[in-house]
N, C-alpha and C. Protein backbone atom coordinates (compact mmCIF):
# COMPACT_ATOMS: atom_id res chain seq x y z
N UNK A 1 75.70 -95.27 -68.80
CA UNK A 1 75.01 -96.30 -69.56
C UNK A 1 75.47 -96.31 -71.01
N UNK A 2 75.64 -95.12 -71.59
CA UNK A 2 76.06 -95.04 -72.99
C UNK A 2 77.44 -95.66 -73.19
N UNK A 3 78.38 -95.36 -72.30
CA UNK A 3 79.74 -95.87 -72.48
C UNK A 3 79.80 -97.39 -72.34
N UNK A 4 78.89 -97.96 -71.55
CA UNK A 4 78.87 -99.41 -71.38
C UNK A 4 78.11 -100.12 -72.49
N UNK A 5 77.14 -99.44 -73.08
CA UNK A 5 76.27 -100.06 -74.09
C UNK A 5 76.36 -99.31 -75.42
N UNK A 6 77.55 -98.85 -75.77
CA UNK A 6 77.70 -98.00 -76.94
C UNK A 6 77.31 -98.69 -78.25
N UNK A 7 77.34 -100.03 -78.30
CA UNK A 7 76.97 -100.73 -79.53
C UNK A 7 75.47 -100.70 -79.77
N UNK A 8 74.70 -100.53 -78.73
CA UNK A 8 73.24 -100.60 -78.83
C UNK A 8 72.54 -99.31 -78.43
N UNK A 9 73.30 -98.26 -78.13
CA UNK A 9 72.67 -97.02 -77.68
C UNK A 9 73.42 -95.83 -78.25
N UNK A 10 72.82 -94.65 -78.15
CA UNK A 10 73.45 -93.43 -78.64
C UNK A 10 73.19 -92.31 -77.65
N UNK A 11 74.18 -91.46 -77.49
CA UNK A 11 74.06 -90.33 -76.58
C UNK A 11 73.64 -89.10 -77.37
N UNK A 12 72.45 -88.61 -77.12
CA UNK A 12 71.93 -87.45 -77.83
C UNK A 12 72.16 -86.21 -76.98
N UNK A 13 73.12 -85.37 -77.37
CA UNK A 13 73.44 -84.15 -76.64
C UNK A 13 72.31 -83.14 -76.85
N UNK A 14 71.97 -82.42 -75.80
CA UNK A 14 70.86 -81.46 -75.90
C UNK A 14 71.26 -80.14 -76.50
N UNK A 15 72.01 -80.16 -77.58
CA UNK A 15 72.39 -78.94 -78.29
C UNK A 15 72.54 -79.29 -79.76
N UNK A 16 72.98 -78.33 -80.56
CA UNK A 16 73.12 -78.57 -82.01
C UNK A 16 74.46 -79.25 -82.28
N UNK A 17 74.67 -80.38 -81.62
CA UNK A 17 75.93 -81.13 -81.63
C UNK A 17 75.65 -82.59 -81.89
N UNK A 18 76.72 -83.35 -82.11
CA UNK A 18 76.57 -84.77 -82.33
C UNK A 18 76.41 -85.11 -83.79
N UNK A 19 76.24 -86.40 -84.10
CA UNK A 19 76.10 -86.83 -85.50
C UNK A 19 74.75 -86.44 -86.08
N UNK A 20 74.71 -86.29 -87.39
CA UNK A 20 73.44 -86.05 -88.09
C UNK A 20 72.49 -87.22 -87.79
N UNK A 21 71.20 -86.95 -87.55
CA UNK A 21 70.47 -85.68 -87.75
C UNK A 21 70.27 -84.87 -86.48
N UNK A 22 70.99 -85.17 -85.39
CA UNK A 22 70.70 -84.52 -84.12
C UNK A 22 70.90 -83.01 -84.13
N UNK A 23 71.98 -82.46 -84.71
CA UNK A 23 72.08 -81.00 -84.75
C UNK A 23 70.90 -80.35 -85.49
N UNK A 24 70.49 -80.96 -86.58
CA UNK A 24 69.37 -80.43 -87.36
C UNK A 24 68.07 -80.52 -86.57
N UNK A 25 67.87 -81.63 -85.86
CA UNK A 25 66.65 -81.80 -85.08
C UNK A 25 66.55 -80.75 -83.98
N UNK A 26 67.65 -80.56 -83.24
CA UNK A 26 67.64 -79.57 -82.16
C UNK A 26 67.44 -78.17 -82.73
N UNK A 27 68.12 -77.85 -83.84
CA UNK A 27 67.93 -76.55 -84.48
C UNK A 27 66.47 -76.33 -84.85
N UNK A 28 65.85 -77.34 -85.44
CA UNK A 28 64.45 -77.20 -85.86
C UNK A 28 63.53 -77.02 -84.66
N UNK A 29 63.77 -77.75 -83.58
CA UNK A 29 62.95 -77.57 -82.37
C UNK A 29 63.15 -76.17 -81.79
N UNK A 30 64.39 -75.72 -81.76
CA UNK A 30 64.70 -74.40 -81.19
C UNK A 30 64.27 -73.26 -82.10
N UNK A 31 64.02 -73.54 -83.37
CA UNK A 31 63.69 -72.47 -84.31
C UNK A 31 62.40 -71.75 -83.97
N UNK A 32 61.58 -72.36 -83.12
CA UNK A 32 60.36 -71.67 -82.67
C UNK A 32 60.73 -70.35 -82.00
N UNK A 33 61.91 -70.29 -81.37
CA UNK A 33 62.37 -69.06 -80.73
C UNK A 33 62.54 -67.96 -81.77
N UNK A 34 63.26 -68.27 -82.85
CA UNK A 34 63.49 -67.27 -83.88
C UNK A 34 62.24 -66.90 -84.64
N UNK A 35 61.41 -67.88 -84.95
CA UNK A 35 60.17 -67.62 -85.69
C UNK A 35 59.25 -66.71 -84.89
N UNK A 36 59.08 -67.02 -83.60
CA UNK A 36 58.19 -66.21 -82.76
C UNK A 36 58.81 -64.85 -82.45
N UNK A 37 60.12 -64.78 -82.26
CA UNK A 37 60.77 -63.50 -82.00
C UNK A 37 60.61 -62.57 -83.20
N UNK A 38 60.77 -63.11 -84.40
CA UNK A 38 60.61 -62.31 -85.61
C UNK A 38 59.19 -61.77 -85.71
N UNK A 39 58.22 -62.64 -85.51
CA UNK A 39 56.82 -62.24 -85.61
C UNK A 39 56.47 -61.19 -84.56
N UNK A 40 56.89 -61.41 -83.33
CA UNK A 40 56.56 -60.48 -82.25
C UNK A 40 57.27 -59.15 -82.41
N UNK A 41 58.51 -59.17 -82.89
CA UNK A 41 59.24 -57.92 -83.08
C UNK A 41 58.56 -57.06 -84.14
N UNK A 42 58.14 -57.69 -85.22
CA UNK A 42 57.44 -56.94 -86.28
C UNK A 42 56.12 -56.41 -85.76
N UNK A 43 55.40 -57.22 -84.97
CA UNK A 43 54.13 -56.76 -84.41
C UNK A 43 54.33 -55.54 -83.50
N UNK A 44 55.42 -55.53 -82.75
CA UNK A 44 55.67 -54.46 -81.79
C UNK A 44 56.22 -53.19 -82.44
N UNK A 45 57.03 -53.35 -83.49
CA UNK A 45 57.74 -52.19 -84.04
C UNK A 45 57.36 -51.86 -85.48
N UNK A 46 56.79 -52.82 -86.18
CA UNK A 46 56.44 -52.60 -87.58
C UNK A 46 57.58 -52.88 -88.54
N UNK A 47 58.70 -53.36 -88.04
CA UNK A 47 59.84 -53.64 -88.92
C UNK A 47 60.72 -54.71 -88.29
N UNK A 48 61.68 -55.18 -89.07
CA UNK A 48 62.66 -56.15 -88.58
C UNK A 48 63.71 -55.45 -87.71
N UNK A 49 64.35 -56.16 -86.81
CA UNK A 49 65.48 -55.56 -86.09
C UNK A 49 66.65 -55.34 -87.04
N UNK A 50 67.50 -54.39 -86.70
CA UNK A 50 68.71 -54.18 -87.49
C UNK A 50 69.72 -55.29 -87.25
N UNK A 51 69.73 -55.79 -86.02
CA UNK A 51 70.69 -56.84 -85.65
C UNK A 51 70.08 -57.73 -84.59
N UNK A 52 70.54 -58.98 -84.55
CA UNK A 52 70.14 -59.90 -83.49
C UNK A 52 71.41 -60.48 -82.86
N UNK A 53 71.34 -60.77 -81.56
CA UNK A 53 72.51 -61.22 -80.81
C UNK A 53 72.12 -62.39 -79.91
N UNK A 54 72.93 -63.43 -79.90
CA UNK A 54 72.71 -64.57 -79.00
C UNK A 54 74.05 -65.12 -78.54
N UNK A 55 74.09 -65.67 -77.34
CA UNK A 55 75.31 -66.31 -76.86
C UNK A 55 75.48 -67.67 -77.54
N UNK A 56 76.73 -68.12 -77.61
CA UNK A 56 77.04 -69.39 -78.27
C UNK A 56 78.00 -70.20 -77.41
N UNK A 57 77.56 -71.38 -77.02
CA UNK A 57 78.43 -72.40 -76.44
C UNK A 57 78.43 -73.53 -77.44
N UNK A 58 77.61 -74.55 -77.17
CA UNK A 58 77.32 -75.53 -78.21
C UNK A 58 76.53 -74.88 -79.34
N UNK A 59 75.60 -73.99 -78.94
CA UNK A 59 74.95 -73.15 -79.94
C UNK A 59 73.49 -73.37 -80.19
N UNK A 60 72.76 -74.05 -79.29
CA UNK A 60 71.36 -74.35 -79.60
C UNK A 60 70.46 -73.13 -79.56
N UNK A 61 70.61 -72.28 -78.53
CA UNK A 61 69.71 -71.12 -78.46
C UNK A 61 69.99 -70.16 -79.61
N UNK A 62 71.27 -70.01 -79.96
CA UNK A 62 71.62 -69.13 -81.07
C UNK A 62 71.11 -69.68 -82.40
N UNK A 63 71.27 -70.98 -82.61
CA UNK A 63 70.78 -71.58 -83.86
C UNK A 63 69.28 -71.41 -83.99
N UNK A 64 68.57 -71.53 -82.87
CA UNK A 64 67.13 -71.34 -82.91
C UNK A 64 66.74 -69.93 -83.26
N UNK A 65 67.40 -68.94 -82.63
CA UNK A 65 67.10 -67.55 -82.95
C UNK A 65 67.48 -67.22 -84.39
N UNK A 66 68.67 -67.63 -84.80
CA UNK A 66 69.15 -67.29 -86.13
C UNK A 66 68.25 -67.86 -87.22
N UNK A 67 67.66 -69.02 -86.97
CA UNK A 67 66.83 -69.68 -87.98
C UNK A 67 65.68 -68.81 -88.44
N UNK A 68 65.20 -67.93 -87.58
CA UNK A 68 64.09 -67.07 -87.96
C UNK A 68 64.49 -65.88 -88.80
N UNK A 69 65.81 -65.61 -88.92
CA UNK A 69 66.26 -64.37 -89.56
C UNK A 69 67.31 -64.57 -90.65
N UNK A 70 67.73 -65.79 -90.93
CA UNK A 70 68.83 -66.00 -91.87
C UNK A 70 68.54 -65.47 -93.26
N UNK A 71 67.28 -65.46 -93.66
CA UNK A 71 66.92 -65.00 -95.01
C UNK A 71 66.51 -63.54 -95.03
N UNK A 72 66.67 -62.85 -93.92
CA UNK A 72 66.30 -61.43 -93.83
C UNK A 72 67.54 -60.55 -93.87
N UNK A 73 67.38 -59.27 -94.26
CA UNK A 73 68.50 -58.33 -94.23
C UNK A 73 68.79 -57.84 -92.81
N UNK A 74 69.24 -58.76 -91.98
CA UNK A 74 69.48 -58.49 -90.56
C UNK A 74 70.91 -58.94 -90.23
N UNK A 75 71.66 -58.11 -89.52
CA UNK A 75 72.99 -58.50 -89.07
C UNK A 75 72.85 -59.49 -87.91
N UNK A 76 73.62 -60.56 -87.93
CA UNK A 76 73.49 -61.62 -86.93
C UNK A 76 74.84 -61.80 -86.22
N UNK A 77 74.77 -61.85 -84.88
CA UNK A 77 75.98 -61.96 -84.06
C UNK A 77 75.85 -63.12 -83.07
N UNK A 78 76.85 -63.98 -83.06
CA UNK A 78 76.94 -65.05 -82.07
C UNK A 78 78.10 -64.76 -81.14
N UNK A 79 77.84 -64.78 -79.83
CA UNK A 79 78.84 -64.32 -78.87
C UNK A 79 79.36 -65.47 -78.01
N UNK A 80 80.65 -65.69 -78.11
CA UNK A 80 81.31 -66.77 -77.36
C UNK A 80 81.94 -66.22 -76.08
N UNK A 81 82.21 -67.12 -75.11
CA UNK A 81 82.82 -66.69 -73.85
C UNK A 81 84.34 -66.60 -73.92
N UNK A 82 84.87 -65.39 -73.75
CA UNK A 82 86.31 -65.20 -73.70
C UNK A 82 86.86 -65.54 -72.31
N UNK A 83 85.97 -65.66 -71.33
CA UNK A 83 86.40 -66.07 -70.00
C UNK A 83 87.39 -65.12 -69.38
N UNK A 84 88.52 -65.68 -68.93
CA UNK A 84 89.56 -64.88 -68.29
C UNK A 84 90.52 -64.25 -69.30
N UNK A 85 90.47 -64.71 -70.56
CA UNK A 85 91.37 -64.18 -71.57
C UNK A 85 91.62 -65.18 -72.68
N UNK A 86 92.46 -64.81 -73.66
CA UNK A 86 92.64 -65.64 -74.86
C UNK A 86 93.54 -66.85 -74.70
N UNK A 87 94.17 -67.03 -73.55
CA UNK A 87 95.04 -68.19 -73.35
C UNK A 87 94.22 -69.48 -73.34
N UNK A 88 94.73 -70.52 -74.01
CA UNK A 88 94.03 -71.80 -74.05
C UNK A 88 93.82 -72.31 -72.62
N UNK A 89 92.59 -72.69 -72.33
CA UNK A 89 92.23 -73.11 -70.99
C UNK A 89 91.52 -72.04 -70.19
N UNK A 90 91.60 -70.79 -70.66
CA UNK A 90 90.96 -69.67 -69.96
C UNK A 90 89.66 -69.22 -70.61
N UNK A 91 89.26 -69.88 -71.68
CA UNK A 91 88.06 -69.46 -72.40
C UNK A 91 87.41 -70.68 -73.05
N UNK A 92 86.29 -70.43 -73.73
CA UNK A 92 85.63 -71.49 -74.49
C UNK A 92 85.19 -70.95 -75.85
N UNK A 93 86.03 -70.10 -76.43
CA UNK A 93 85.71 -69.44 -77.70
C UNK A 93 86.24 -70.27 -78.87
N UNK A 94 85.56 -71.34 -79.19
CA UNK A 94 86.07 -72.28 -80.20
C UNK A 94 86.04 -71.69 -81.60
N UNK A 95 85.01 -70.94 -81.94
CA UNK A 95 84.91 -70.41 -83.30
C UNK A 95 85.96 -69.34 -83.56
N UNK A 96 86.38 -68.63 -82.52
CA UNK A 96 87.40 -67.59 -82.69
C UNK A 96 88.81 -68.17 -82.69
N UNK A 97 89.06 -69.14 -81.82
CA UNK A 97 90.43 -69.62 -81.63
C UNK A 97 90.64 -71.08 -82.03
N UNK A 98 89.59 -71.78 -82.43
CA UNK A 98 89.72 -73.20 -82.72
C UNK A 98 90.09 -73.51 -84.16
N UNK A 99 90.24 -74.80 -84.42
CA UNK A 99 90.51 -75.31 -85.76
C UNK A 99 89.59 -76.49 -86.02
N UNK A 100 89.54 -76.91 -87.27
CA UNK A 100 88.63 -77.99 -87.64
C UNK A 100 89.02 -79.30 -86.96
N UNK A 101 88.01 -80.02 -86.51
CA UNK A 101 88.27 -81.29 -85.87
C UNK A 101 86.99 -82.09 -85.69
N UNK A 102 87.13 -83.31 -85.20
CA UNK A 102 85.98 -84.19 -84.99
C UNK A 102 85.92 -84.58 -83.52
N UNK A 103 84.74 -84.43 -82.93
CA UNK A 103 84.50 -84.89 -81.57
C UNK A 103 83.02 -85.20 -81.41
N UNK A 104 82.71 -86.12 -80.53
CA UNK A 104 81.32 -86.49 -80.25
C UNK A 104 80.51 -86.78 -81.51
N UNK A 105 81.19 -87.28 -82.54
CA UNK A 105 80.50 -87.71 -83.75
C UNK A 105 80.17 -86.64 -84.75
N UNK A 106 80.76 -85.45 -84.62
CA UNK A 106 80.49 -84.39 -85.60
C UNK A 106 81.77 -83.65 -85.94
N UNK A 107 81.79 -83.07 -87.13
CA UNK A 107 82.93 -82.30 -87.62
C UNK A 107 82.61 -80.82 -87.52
N UNK A 108 83.46 -80.07 -86.83
CA UNK A 108 83.21 -78.64 -86.66
C UNK A 108 84.53 -77.95 -86.30
N UNK A 109 84.43 -76.78 -85.72
CA UNK A 109 85.59 -76.07 -85.22
C UNK A 109 85.70 -76.34 -83.72
N UNK A 110 86.89 -76.70 -83.27
CA UNK A 110 87.04 -77.07 -81.86
C UNK A 110 88.36 -76.57 -81.30
N UNK A 111 88.41 -76.46 -79.99
CA UNK A 111 89.64 -76.13 -79.29
C UNK A 111 90.37 -77.42 -78.96
N UNK A 112 91.65 -77.50 -79.35
CA UNK A 112 92.43 -78.73 -79.16
C UNK A 112 93.66 -78.48 -78.30
N UNK A 113 94.07 -79.54 -77.61
CA UNK A 113 95.34 -79.47 -76.89
C UNK A 113 96.48 -79.86 -77.81
N UNK A 114 97.68 -80.00 -77.25
CA UNK A 114 98.86 -80.30 -78.07
C UNK A 114 98.80 -81.67 -78.73
N UNK A 115 97.91 -82.53 -78.25
CA UNK A 115 97.75 -83.86 -78.84
C UNK A 115 96.58 -83.95 -79.80
N UNK A 116 95.94 -82.82 -80.07
CA UNK A 116 94.81 -82.82 -80.98
C UNK A 116 93.51 -83.25 -80.34
N UNK A 117 93.52 -83.43 -79.03
CA UNK A 117 92.31 -83.81 -78.30
C UNK A 117 91.56 -82.56 -77.84
N UNK A 118 90.25 -82.69 -77.52
CA UNK A 118 89.51 -81.53 -77.01
C UNK A 118 90.23 -80.90 -75.82
N UNK A 119 90.43 -79.60 -75.89
CA UNK A 119 91.18 -78.90 -74.85
C UNK A 119 90.30 -78.60 -73.64
N UNK A 120 90.91 -78.44 -72.47
CA UNK A 120 90.15 -77.95 -71.32
C UNK A 120 89.68 -76.52 -71.59
N UNK A 121 88.47 -76.23 -71.22
CA UNK A 121 87.91 -74.90 -71.47
C UNK A 121 87.32 -74.33 -70.19
N UNK A 122 87.06 -73.04 -70.20
CA UNK A 122 86.52 -72.36 -69.03
C UNK A 122 85.55 -71.27 -69.47
N UNK A 123 84.49 -71.10 -68.71
CA UNK A 123 83.60 -69.94 -68.84
C UNK A 123 82.94 -69.72 -67.50
N UNK A 124 82.69 -68.47 -67.16
CA UNK A 124 81.94 -68.17 -65.95
C UNK A 124 80.53 -68.73 -66.04
N UNK A 125 80.08 -68.97 -67.28
CA UNK A 125 78.75 -69.55 -67.52
C UNK A 125 78.91 -71.03 -67.85
N UNK A 126 78.42 -71.89 -66.97
CA UNK A 126 78.61 -73.33 -67.17
C UNK A 126 77.96 -73.83 -68.45
N UNK A 127 76.90 -73.17 -68.89
CA UNK A 127 76.21 -73.59 -70.10
C UNK A 127 76.96 -73.29 -71.38
N UNK A 128 78.05 -72.52 -71.29
CA UNK A 128 78.87 -72.21 -72.47
C UNK A 128 80.22 -72.92 -72.41
N UNK A 129 80.40 -73.76 -71.42
CA UNK A 129 81.68 -74.40 -71.14
C UNK A 129 81.83 -75.67 -71.97
N UNK A 130 82.12 -75.49 -73.27
CA UNK A 130 82.20 -76.63 -74.20
C UNK A 130 83.28 -76.31 -75.23
N UNK A 131 84.11 -77.29 -75.63
CA UNK A 131 85.25 -77.00 -76.50
C UNK A 131 84.95 -76.94 -77.99
N UNK A 132 83.69 -76.88 -78.38
CA UNK A 132 83.35 -76.78 -79.79
C UNK A 132 82.00 -76.10 -79.93
N UNK A 133 81.59 -75.86 -81.16
CA UNK A 133 80.26 -75.34 -81.46
C UNK A 133 79.66 -76.18 -82.57
N UNK A 134 78.36 -76.12 -82.69
CA UNK A 134 77.67 -76.93 -83.69
C UNK A 134 78.17 -76.68 -85.10
N UNK A 135 78.14 -77.68 -85.96
CA UNK A 135 78.65 -77.54 -87.32
C UNK A 135 77.93 -76.46 -88.14
N UNK A 136 76.66 -76.20 -87.84
CA UNK A 136 75.97 -75.13 -88.58
C UNK A 136 76.59 -73.77 -88.26
N UNK A 137 77.02 -73.58 -87.02
CA UNK A 137 77.69 -72.31 -86.68
C UNK A 137 79.01 -72.18 -87.42
N UNK A 138 79.76 -73.28 -87.52
CA UNK A 138 81.01 -73.24 -88.27
C UNK A 138 80.75 -72.87 -89.73
N UNK A 139 79.67 -73.41 -90.28
CA UNK A 139 79.31 -73.11 -91.67
C UNK A 139 78.89 -71.65 -91.82
N UNK A 140 78.06 -71.16 -90.92
CA UNK A 140 77.59 -69.77 -91.00
C UNK A 140 78.74 -68.79 -90.86
N UNK A 141 79.74 -69.16 -90.06
CA UNK A 141 80.92 -68.31 -89.96
C UNK A 141 81.73 -68.36 -91.25
N UNK A 142 81.88 -69.55 -91.81
CA UNK A 142 82.68 -69.72 -93.03
C UNK A 142 82.12 -68.93 -94.20
N UNK A 143 80.80 -68.89 -94.33
CA UNK A 143 80.20 -68.18 -95.46
C UNK A 143 79.98 -66.70 -95.15
N UNK A 144 80.27 -66.29 -93.93
CA UNK A 144 80.17 -64.88 -93.57
C UNK A 144 78.78 -64.38 -93.24
N UNK A 145 77.82 -65.30 -93.08
CA UNK A 145 76.45 -64.85 -92.77
C UNK A 145 76.32 -64.38 -91.33
N UNK A 146 77.06 -64.99 -90.43
CA UNK A 146 77.01 -64.62 -89.01
C UNK A 146 78.40 -64.20 -88.56
N UNK A 147 78.45 -63.13 -87.78
CA UNK A 147 79.72 -62.71 -87.18
C UNK A 147 79.78 -63.26 -85.76
N UNK A 148 80.86 -63.96 -85.46
CA UNK A 148 81.06 -64.51 -84.13
C UNK A 148 82.14 -63.71 -83.42
N UNK A 149 81.82 -63.26 -82.22
CA UNK A 149 82.75 -62.43 -81.45
C UNK A 149 82.77 -62.93 -80.01
N UNK A 150 83.53 -62.26 -79.15
CA UNK A 150 83.72 -62.74 -77.78
C UNK A 150 83.44 -61.64 -76.76
N UNK A 151 83.05 -62.08 -75.57
CA UNK A 151 82.86 -61.20 -74.41
C UNK A 151 83.49 -61.89 -73.21
N UNK A 152 84.24 -61.14 -72.41
CA UNK A 152 84.92 -61.77 -71.28
C UNK A 152 84.05 -61.77 -70.02
N UNK A 153 84.58 -62.37 -68.96
CA UNK A 153 83.81 -62.52 -67.72
C UNK A 153 83.39 -61.18 -67.13
N UNK A 154 84.31 -60.23 -67.07
CA UNK A 154 84.01 -58.94 -66.44
C UNK A 154 82.90 -58.21 -67.18
N UNK A 155 82.97 -58.20 -68.50
CA UNK A 155 81.91 -57.57 -69.29
C UNK A 155 80.58 -58.27 -69.06
N UNK A 156 80.64 -59.58 -68.94
CA UNK A 156 79.43 -60.38 -68.73
C UNK A 156 78.76 -60.05 -67.41
N UNK A 157 79.54 -60.01 -66.33
CA UNK A 157 78.98 -59.73 -65.02
C UNK A 157 78.46 -58.30 -64.94
N UNK A 158 79.16 -57.36 -65.56
CA UNK A 158 78.66 -55.98 -65.60
C UNK A 158 77.30 -55.93 -66.28
N UNK A 159 77.15 -56.65 -67.38
CA UNK A 159 75.87 -56.67 -68.10
C UNK A 159 74.78 -57.34 -67.27
N UNK A 160 75.15 -58.38 -66.54
CA UNK A 160 74.22 -59.08 -65.65
C UNK A 160 73.60 -58.09 -64.66
N UNK A 161 74.44 -57.31 -63.99
CA UNK A 161 73.94 -56.35 -63.01
C UNK A 161 73.21 -55.18 -63.67
N UNK A 162 73.71 -54.74 -64.80
CA UNK A 162 73.10 -53.58 -65.44
C UNK A 162 71.67 -53.87 -65.89
N UNK A 163 71.45 -55.02 -66.50
CA UNK A 163 70.10 -55.37 -66.94
C UNK A 163 69.18 -55.56 -65.73
N UNK A 164 69.69 -56.20 -64.69
CA UNK A 164 68.88 -56.40 -63.49
C UNK A 164 68.49 -55.07 -62.86
N UNK A 165 69.44 -54.15 -62.81
CA UNK A 165 69.20 -52.87 -62.16
C UNK A 165 68.28 -51.96 -62.99
N UNK A 166 68.48 -51.92 -64.29
CA UNK A 166 67.74 -50.99 -65.13
C UNK A 166 66.37 -51.51 -65.56
N UNK A 167 66.26 -52.83 -65.75
CA UNK A 167 65.02 -53.39 -66.28
C UNK A 167 64.32 -54.34 -65.32
N UNK A 168 64.96 -54.68 -64.22
CA UNK A 168 64.36 -55.64 -63.30
C UNK A 168 64.35 -57.06 -63.82
N UNK A 169 65.19 -57.33 -64.81
CA UNK A 169 65.30 -58.66 -65.41
C UNK A 169 66.65 -59.25 -65.02
N UNK A 170 66.62 -60.42 -64.39
CA UNK A 170 67.87 -61.09 -64.02
C UNK A 170 68.19 -62.12 -65.10
N UNK A 171 69.17 -61.83 -65.96
CA UNK A 171 69.48 -62.77 -67.05
C UNK A 171 70.40 -63.88 -66.58
N UNK A 172 70.33 -65.02 -67.22
CA UNK A 172 71.32 -66.06 -66.98
C UNK A 172 72.70 -65.53 -67.34
N UNK A 173 73.73 -66.07 -66.70
CA UNK A 173 75.09 -65.62 -67.03
C UNK A 173 75.39 -65.91 -68.50
N UNK A 174 74.89 -67.03 -69.01
CA UNK A 174 75.07 -67.32 -70.44
C UNK A 174 74.52 -66.18 -71.28
N UNK A 175 73.27 -65.81 -71.04
CA UNK A 175 72.62 -64.75 -71.81
C UNK A 175 73.31 -63.40 -71.61
N UNK A 176 73.93 -63.20 -70.46
CA UNK A 176 74.58 -61.93 -70.17
C UNK A 176 75.73 -61.64 -71.14
N UNK A 177 76.31 -62.68 -71.72
CA UNK A 177 77.31 -62.46 -72.77
C UNK A 177 76.69 -61.72 -73.95
N UNK A 178 75.48 -62.14 -74.33
CA UNK A 178 74.78 -61.49 -75.44
C UNK A 178 74.35 -60.08 -75.06
N UNK A 179 73.90 -59.91 -73.82
CA UNK A 179 73.50 -58.57 -73.36
C UNK A 179 74.69 -57.61 -73.42
N UNK A 180 75.84 -58.06 -72.95
CA UNK A 180 77.03 -57.21 -72.97
C UNK A 180 77.40 -56.80 -74.39
N UNK A 181 77.35 -57.76 -75.31
CA UNK A 181 77.70 -57.43 -76.69
C UNK A 181 76.63 -56.54 -77.32
N UNK A 182 75.37 -56.80 -77.03
CA UNK A 182 74.30 -55.98 -77.57
C UNK A 182 74.43 -54.53 -77.16
N UNK A 183 74.82 -54.28 -75.92
CA UNK A 183 75.00 -52.91 -75.45
C UNK A 183 76.17 -52.24 -76.16
N UNK A 184 77.26 -52.98 -76.36
CA UNK A 184 78.39 -52.43 -77.09
C UNK A 184 78.02 -52.12 -78.53
N UNK A 185 77.27 -53.03 -79.13
CA UNK A 185 76.85 -52.85 -80.52
C UNK A 185 75.95 -51.64 -80.67
N UNK A 186 75.01 -51.47 -79.74
CA UNK A 186 74.07 -50.36 -79.82
C UNK A 186 74.78 -49.01 -79.81
N UNK A 187 75.89 -48.92 -79.09
CA UNK A 187 76.63 -47.66 -79.02
C UNK A 187 77.24 -47.27 -80.37
N UNK A 188 77.42 -48.23 -81.26
CA UNK A 188 78.01 -47.96 -82.57
C UNK A 188 76.97 -47.63 -83.62
N UNK A 189 75.69 -47.72 -83.26
CA UNK A 189 74.60 -47.54 -84.23
C UNK A 189 73.92 -46.20 -84.03
N UNK A 190 73.87 -45.38 -85.08
CA UNK A 190 73.14 -44.11 -84.99
C UNK A 190 71.64 -44.35 -85.01
N UNK A 191 71.23 -45.33 -85.78
CA UNK A 191 69.81 -45.67 -85.89
C UNK A 191 69.68 -47.19 -85.85
N UNK A 192 68.45 -47.64 -85.74
CA UNK A 192 68.21 -49.08 -85.80
C UNK A 192 67.88 -49.66 -84.44
N UNK A 193 67.80 -50.98 -84.40
CA UNK A 193 67.38 -51.68 -83.19
C UNK A 193 68.13 -53.01 -83.09
N UNK A 194 68.27 -53.48 -81.86
CA UNK A 194 68.98 -54.73 -81.59
C UNK A 194 68.07 -55.66 -80.80
N UNK A 195 67.91 -56.88 -81.27
CA UNK A 195 67.16 -57.90 -80.56
C UNK A 195 68.17 -58.84 -79.90
N UNK A 196 68.08 -58.96 -78.57
CA UNK A 196 68.98 -59.82 -77.81
C UNK A 196 68.20 -61.01 -77.27
N UNK A 197 68.73 -62.19 -77.48
CA UNK A 197 68.06 -63.40 -77.00
C UNK A 197 68.43 -63.68 -75.54
N UNK A 198 67.46 -63.55 -74.64
CA UNK A 198 67.66 -63.93 -73.25
C UNK A 198 67.27 -65.39 -73.12
N UNK A 199 68.25 -66.25 -73.20
CA UNK A 199 67.99 -67.69 -73.30
C UNK A 199 67.78 -68.36 -71.96
N UNK A 200 67.87 -67.60 -70.87
CA UNK A 200 67.65 -68.22 -69.57
C UNK A 200 67.57 -67.19 -68.47
N UNK A 201 67.02 -67.60 -67.33
CA UNK A 201 66.89 -66.73 -66.16
C UNK A 201 68.10 -66.88 -65.26
N UNK A 202 68.43 -65.80 -64.56
CA UNK A 202 69.61 -65.81 -63.72
C UNK A 202 69.37 -66.02 -62.24
N UNK A 203 68.15 -66.37 -61.87
CA UNK A 203 67.88 -66.60 -60.44
C UNK A 203 68.86 -67.60 -59.84
N UNK A 204 69.13 -68.66 -60.61
CA UNK A 204 70.02 -69.73 -60.15
C UNK A 204 71.46 -69.25 -60.03
N UNK A 205 71.78 -68.13 -60.69
CA UNK A 205 73.15 -67.63 -60.71
C UNK A 205 73.44 -66.59 -59.64
N UNK A 206 72.41 -66.08 -58.96
CA UNK A 206 72.59 -64.96 -58.05
C UNK A 206 73.58 -65.26 -56.94
N UNK A 207 73.44 -66.41 -56.28
CA UNK A 207 74.34 -66.74 -55.18
C UNK A 207 75.79 -66.79 -55.65
N UNK A 208 76.01 -67.42 -56.81
CA UNK A 208 77.37 -67.52 -57.35
C UNK A 208 77.94 -66.14 -57.67
N UNK A 209 77.14 -65.32 -58.33
CA UNK A 209 77.62 -63.99 -58.74
C UNK A 209 77.95 -63.14 -57.52
N UNK A 210 77.07 -63.12 -56.53
CA UNK A 210 77.30 -62.30 -55.34
C UNK A 210 78.50 -62.80 -54.54
N UNK A 211 78.67 -64.11 -54.49
CA UNK A 211 79.80 -64.68 -53.74
C UNK A 211 81.13 -64.36 -54.39
N UNK A 212 81.18 -64.42 -55.73
CA UNK A 212 82.46 -64.27 -56.43
C UNK A 212 82.73 -62.85 -56.93
N UNK A 213 81.68 -62.06 -57.11
CA UNK A 213 81.87 -60.72 -57.68
C UNK A 213 81.32 -59.60 -56.80
N UNK A 214 80.50 -59.95 -55.81
CA UNK A 214 79.92 -58.92 -54.96
C UNK A 214 78.85 -58.13 -55.68
N UNK A 215 78.25 -57.19 -54.98
CA UNK A 215 77.22 -56.34 -55.58
C UNK A 215 77.87 -55.22 -56.38
N UNK A 216 77.33 -54.96 -57.56
CA UNK A 216 77.88 -53.88 -58.39
C UNK A 216 76.80 -52.84 -58.66
């Protein structure tokens, strides 16, 4: 409908993407995640987390979590999908491997093909399978407030099974990227705490994971 009636309609993507004010609107709606996570973490522990971690595709769940902590002395990590590896077409890590560009009505960092068009991307998590990230993420990376890193498919699936086995929580494959990075990060910390955003449930992913990766 949008492509046929583009003069009289607009396509509002359900992430922190698209022309202003849509990224800001989605961020503000999602910020309840960060605001409530901050409040609940302090209630449970008496202090702020040392670090927070969220997966990043388009970036809505991460933007929402980060919004609650940007003004706090907390390390913030956004984790992109490295997929099968760093070759173009094998991942969707736009902030790590992309360059500035315009798509879907917004200016950000994006993965491009040889013609400067959005490149084909891949992730084991369909919710992270997008060739760019929201402009606020590009800004937060540019000013150094958030560190963006990558996790590949194997690390993601290992984290999926480990959390399910140890805690009885089945995370979405998208969220499993953050879980994998959070576990790696925790090993480097002598003290402190890590808050990981589980942005979705993995019940829907079980059949796919077992079919393609087997039980671990």
